[in-house]
Amino acid sequence: MKKSLFAAALLSLALAACGGADKAAETAASAASEAAASATEAAASATEAAASAATEATEAAASATEAAASATEAAASATEAAASEAAK
């Protein structure tokens, strides 16, 4: 993006030096518009990626919570079985 703005500025200078000031301004405005569109697109893509990552993290946390609950139940069952054996 910086390179395209730099190139547009150089082209604007060259056109202005040759008497094409209007064309130079138009070229610079066009390059700025394209750069803004690219930046907006990149921001939207980054936002989408962040939302996807957050969703995946939430799902992973839910799975971990379920696994912890299952482990707790298994430990409780093992404790009950051990207590039952000890009582015999």
N, C-alpha and C. Protein backbone atom coordinates (compact mmCIF):
# COMPACT_ATOMS: atom_id res chain seq x y z
N MET A 1 0.83 -1.18 0.00
CA MET A 1 0.00 0.00 0.00
C MET A 1 0.87 1.24 0.00
N LYS A 2 1.94 1.24 0.79
CA LYS A 2 2.83 2.40 0.83
C LYS A 2 3.51 2.61 -0.51
N LYS A 3 3.87 1.49 -1.16
CA LYS A 3 4.54 1.59 -2.46
C LYS A 3 3.61 2.19 -3.50
N SER A 4 2.33 1.81 -3.47
CA SER A 4 1.40 2.35 -4.46
C SER A 4 1.17 3.83 -4.23
N LEU A 5 1.14 4.25 -2.97
CA LEU A 5 0.99 5.68 -2.68
C LEU A 5 2.23 6.45 -3.12
N PHE A 6 3.40 5.85 -2.90
CA PHE A 6 4.65 6.49 -3.31
C PHE A 6 4.70 6.60 -4.83
N ALA A 7 4.31 5.53 -5.50
CA ALA A 7 4.30 5.55 -6.97
C ALA A 7 3.32 6.59 -7.49
N ALA A 8 2.16 6.69 -6.83
CA ALA A 8 1.17 7.69 -7.25
C ALA A 8 1.71 9.10 -7.06
N ALA A 9 2.43 9.31 -5.95
CA ALA A 9 3.01 10.63 -5.70
C ALA A 9 4.05 10.98 -6.75
N LEU A 10 4.90 10.01 -7.11
CA LEU A 10 5.91 10.24 -8.15
C LEU A 10 5.25 10.53 -9.49
N LEU A 11 4.22 9.77 -9.82
CA LEU A 11 3.51 9.99 -11.07
C LEU A 11 2.84 11.36 -11.07
N SER A 12 2.30 11.74 -9.94
CA SER A 12 1.68 13.06 -9.82
C SER A 12 2.70 14.16 -10.05
N LEU A 13 3.88 14.01 -9.48
CA LEU A 13 4.94 15.00 -9.67
C LEU A 13 5.34 15.09 -11.14
N ALA A 14 5.48 13.93 -11.77
CA ALA A 14 5.88 13.91 -13.18
C ALA A 14 4.82 14.57 -14.05
N LEU A 15 3.57 14.25 -13.79
CA LEU A 15 2.49 14.85 -14.57
C LEU A 15 2.38 16.35 -14.32
N ALA A 16 2.56 16.75 -13.07
CA ALA A 16 2.50 18.18 -12.75
C ALA A 16 3.64 18.92 -13.44
N ALA A 17 4.81 18.30 -13.50
CA ALA A 17 5.96 18.93 -14.16
C ALA A 17 5.72 19.07 -15.66
N CYS A 18 4.94 18.16 -16.22
CA CYS A 18 4.65 18.21 -17.66
C CYS A 18 3.39 19.02 -17.96
N GLY A 19 2.82 19.65 -16.96
CA GLY A 19 1.63 20.47 -17.17
C GLY A 19 0.33 19.72 -17.00
N GLY A 20 0.35 18.53 -16.48
CA GLY A 20 -0.87 17.74 -16.28
C GLY A 20 -1.28 17.72 -14.83
N ALA A 21 -1.43 18.88 -14.21
CA ALA A 21 -1.75 18.96 -12.78
C ALA A 21 -3.09 18.31 -12.47
N ASP A 22 -4.07 18.51 -13.35
CA ASP A 22 -5.39 17.91 -13.11
C ASP A 22 -5.31 16.38 -13.13
N LYS A 23 -4.58 15.87 -14.10
CA LYS A 23 -4.41 14.41 -14.20
C LYS A 23 -3.63 13.89 -13.00
N ALA A 24 -2.67 14.67 -12.54
CA ALA A 24 -1.88 14.26 -11.38
C ALA A 24 -2.76 14.17 -10.14
N ALA A 25 -3.63 15.15 -9.95
CA ALA A 25 -4.52 15.13 -8.79
C ALA A 25 -5.49 13.95 -8.89
N GLU A 26 -5.97 13.70 -10.09
CA GLU A 26 -6.89 12.58 -10.30
C GLU A 26 -6.20 11.25 -10.01
N THR A 27 -4.97 11.11 -10.46
CA THR A 27 -4.20 9.89 -10.23
C THR A 27 -3.94 9.68 -8.74
N ALA A 28 -3.58 10.75 -8.06
CA ALA A 28 -3.32 10.66 -6.62
C ALA A 28 -4.59 10.29 -5.86
N ALA A 29 -5.71 10.90 -6.25
CA ALA A 29 -6.99 10.59 -5.59
C ALA A 29 -7.38 9.14 -5.83
N SER A 30 -7.16 8.67 -7.04
CA SER A 30 -7.48 7.28 -7.37
C SER A 30 -6.63 6.31 -6.56
N ALA A 31 -5.34 6.61 -6.46
CA ALA A 31 -4.45 5.74 -5.68
C ALA A 31 -4.83 5.73 -4.21
N ALA A 32 -5.20 6.90 -3.68
CA ALA A 32 -5.61 6.98 -2.28
C ALA A 32 -6.89 6.19 -2.06
N SER A 33 -7.80 6.28 -3.01
CA SER A 33 -9.06 5.54 -2.91
C SER A 33 -8.81 4.04 -2.93
N GLU A 34 -7.94 3.59 -3.82
CA GLU A 34 -7.60 2.17 -3.89
C GLU A 34 -6.92 1.69 -2.60
N ALA A 35 -6.05 2.52 -2.06
CA ALA A 35 -5.36 2.16 -0.82
C ALA A 35 -6.36 2.05 0.33
N ALA A 36 -7.33 2.98 0.37
CA ALA A 36 -8.34 2.93 1.43
C ALA A 36 -9.21 1.69 1.29
N ALA A 37 -9.55 1.34 0.05
CA ALA A 37 -10.35 0.13 -0.17
C ALA A 37 -9.59 -1.12 0.26
N SER A 38 -8.30 -1.16 -0.04
CA SER A 38 -7.48 -2.30 0.36
C SER A 38 -7.38 -2.40 1.88
N ALA A 39 -7.22 -1.25 2.53
CA ALA A 39 -7.14 -1.24 3.99
C ALA A 39 -8.45 -1.70 4.62
N THR A 40 -9.56 -1.27 4.05
CA THR A 40 -10.87 -1.68 4.56
C THR A 40 -11.06 -3.18 4.40
N GLU A 41 -10.66 -3.69 3.25
CA GLU A 41 -10.76 -5.13 2.98
C GLU A 41 -9.89 -5.93 3.96
N ALA A 42 -8.69 -5.44 4.21
CA ALA A 42 -7.78 -6.12 5.14
C ALA A 42 -8.35 -6.11 6.55
N ALA A 43 -8.94 -4.98 6.95
CA ALA A 43 -9.53 -4.89 8.29
C ALA A 43 -10.71 -5.84 8.43
N ALA A 44 -11.54 -5.94 7.39
CA ALA A 44 -12.67 -6.86 7.43
C ALA A 44 -12.20 -8.31 7.53
N SER A 45 -11.16 -8.63 6.80
CA SER A 45 -10.60 -9.98 6.83
C SER A 45 -10.03 -10.30 8.21
N ALA A 46 -9.34 -9.33 8.80
CA ALA A 46 -8.77 -9.53 10.13
C ALA A 46 -9.87 -9.71 11.18
N THR A 47 -10.94 -8.93 11.04
CA THR A 47 -12.07 -9.04 11.97
C THR A 47 -12.71 -10.42 11.87
N GLU A 48 -12.89 -10.88 10.64
CA GLU A 48 -13.47 -12.21 10.43
C GLU A 48 -12.59 -13.31 11.02
N ALA A 49 -11.28 -13.18 10.83
CA ALA A 49 -10.35 -14.17 11.37
C ALA A 49 -10.37 -14.17 12.90
N ALA A 50 -10.46 -12.98 13.49
CA ALA A 50 -10.51 -12.88 14.95
C ALA A 50 -11.79 -13.50 15.50
N ALA A 51 -12.91 -13.25 14.82
CA ALA A 51 -14.18 -13.82 15.25
C ALA A 51 -14.14 -15.35 15.16
N SER A 52 -13.56 -15.85 14.09
CA SER A 52 -13.44 -17.30 13.92
C SER A 52 -12.56 -17.91 15.00
N ALA A 53 -11.45 -17.25 15.30
CA ALA A 53 -10.55 -17.74 16.34
C ALA A 53 -11.24 -17.73 17.71
N ALA A 54 -12.03 -16.69 17.97
CA ALA A 54 -12.74 -16.61 19.24
C ALA A 54 -13.77 -17.73 19.36
N THR A 55 -14.46 -18.01 18.27
CA THR A 55 -15.44 -19.10 18.27
C THR A 55 -14.75 -20.44 18.53
N GLU A 56 -13.64 -20.67 17.86
CA GLU A 56 -12.90 -21.92 18.07
C GLU A 56 -12.39 -22.03 19.50
N ALA A 57 -11.93 -20.93 20.07
CA ALA A 57 -11.44 -20.95 21.45
C ALA A 57 -12.58 -21.25 22.42
N THR A 58 -13.75 -20.69 22.16
CA THR A 58 -14.92 -20.94 23.01
C THR A 58 -15.31 -22.41 22.94
N GLU A 59 -15.31 -22.96 21.73
CA GLU A 59 -15.65 -24.39 21.57
C GLU A 59 -14.62 -25.28 22.27
N ALA A 60 -13.35 -24.91 22.18
CA ALA A 60 -12.31 -25.69 22.85
C ALA A 60 -12.47 -25.63 24.36
N ALA A 61 -12.82 -24.45 24.87
CA ALA A 61 -13.03 -24.30 26.31
C ALA A 61 -14.23 -25.14 26.77
N ALA A 62 -15.28 -25.17 25.96
CA ALA A 62 -16.45 -25.98 26.31
C ALA A 62 -16.09 -27.46 26.33
N SER A 63 -15.30 -27.90 25.36
CA SER A 63 -14.86 -29.30 25.33
C SER A 63 -14.00 -29.63 26.54
N ALA A 64 -13.12 -28.71 26.91
CA ALA A 64 -12.27 -28.93 28.08
C ALA A 64 -13.10 -29.01 29.35
N THR A 65 -14.12 -28.18 29.44
CA THR A 65 -15.01 -28.20 30.61
C THR A 65 -15.74 -29.53 30.69
N GLU A 66 -16.24 -30.02 29.55
CA GLU A 66 -16.92 -31.32 29.52
C GLU A 66 -15.97 -32.45 29.92
N ALA A 67 -14.74 -32.38 29.44
CA ALA A 67 -13.75 -33.41 29.79
C ALA A 67 -13.45 -33.38 31.28
N ALA A 68 -13.35 -32.18 31.84
CA ALA A 68 -13.09 -32.06 33.28
C ALA A 68 -14.26 -32.62 34.09
N ALA A 69 -15.49 -32.36 33.63
CA ALA A 69 -16.66 -32.90 34.32
C ALA A 69 -16.67 -34.42 34.26
N SER A 70 -16.33 -34.98 33.12
CA SER A 70 -16.27 -36.44 32.98
C SER A 70 -15.19 -37.03 33.89
N ALA A 71 -14.05 -36.37 33.96
CA ALA A 71 -12.97 -36.84 34.83
C ALA A 71 -13.39 -36.79 36.29
N THR A 72 -14.12 -35.75 36.66
CA THR A 72 -14.59 -35.62 38.04
C THR A 72 -15.57 -36.75 38.37
N GLU A 73 -16.48 -37.04 37.44
CA GLU A 73 -17.43 -38.14 37.64
C GLU A 73 -16.71 -39.48 37.76
N ALA A 74 -15.70 -39.69 36.92
CA ALA A 74 -14.94 -40.94 36.97
C ALA A 74 -14.20 -41.06 38.30
N ALA A 75 -13.66 -39.96 38.79
CA ALA A 75 -12.96 -39.99 40.08
C ALA A 75 -13.94 -40.28 41.21
N ALA A 76 -15.13 -39.70 41.12
CA ALA A 76 -16.14 -39.96 42.16
C ALA A 76 -16.56 -41.43 42.14
N SER A 77 -16.72 -41.99 40.96
CA SER A 77 -17.08 -43.41 40.85
C SER A 77 -15.98 -44.30 41.40
N ALA A 78 -14.73 -43.95 41.09
CA ALA A 78 -13.61 -44.73 41.60
C ALA A 78 -13.53 -44.65 43.11
N THR A 79 -13.81 -43.48 43.66
CA THR A 79 -13.79 -43.30 45.11
C THR A 79 -14.88 -44.15 45.77
N GLU A 80 -16.08 -44.14 45.16
CA GLU A 80 -17.18 -44.95 45.69
C GLU A 80 -16.84 -46.44 45.64
N ALA A 81 -16.25 -46.86 44.53
CA ALA A 81 -15.89 -48.27 44.38
C ALA A 81 -14.83 -48.65 45.41
N ALA A 82 -13.87 -47.79 45.64
CA ALA A 82 -12.83 -48.07 46.63
C ALA A 82 -13.42 -48.12 48.03
N ALA A 83 -14.34 -47.22 48.33
CA ALA A 83 -14.97 -47.21 49.65
C ALA A 83 -15.81 -48.46 49.84
N SER A 84 -16.48 -48.90 48.80
CA SER A 84 -17.31 -50.10 48.86
C SER A 84 -16.44 -51.34 49.10
N GLU A 85 -15.31 -51.41 48.43
CA GLU A 85 -14.38 -52.52 48.61
C GLU A 85 -13.80 -52.52 50.02
N ALA A 86 -13.50 -51.33 50.51
CA ALA A 86 -12.90 -51.23 51.84
C ALA A 86 -13.90 -51.63 52.91
N ALA A 87 -15.18 -51.41 52.66
CA ALA A 87 -16.21 -51.73 53.64
C ALA A 87 -16.46 -53.24 53.72
N LYS A 88 -16.06 -54.01 52.72
CA LYS A 88 -16.31 -55.46 52.72
C LYS A 88 -15.41 -56.19 53.63
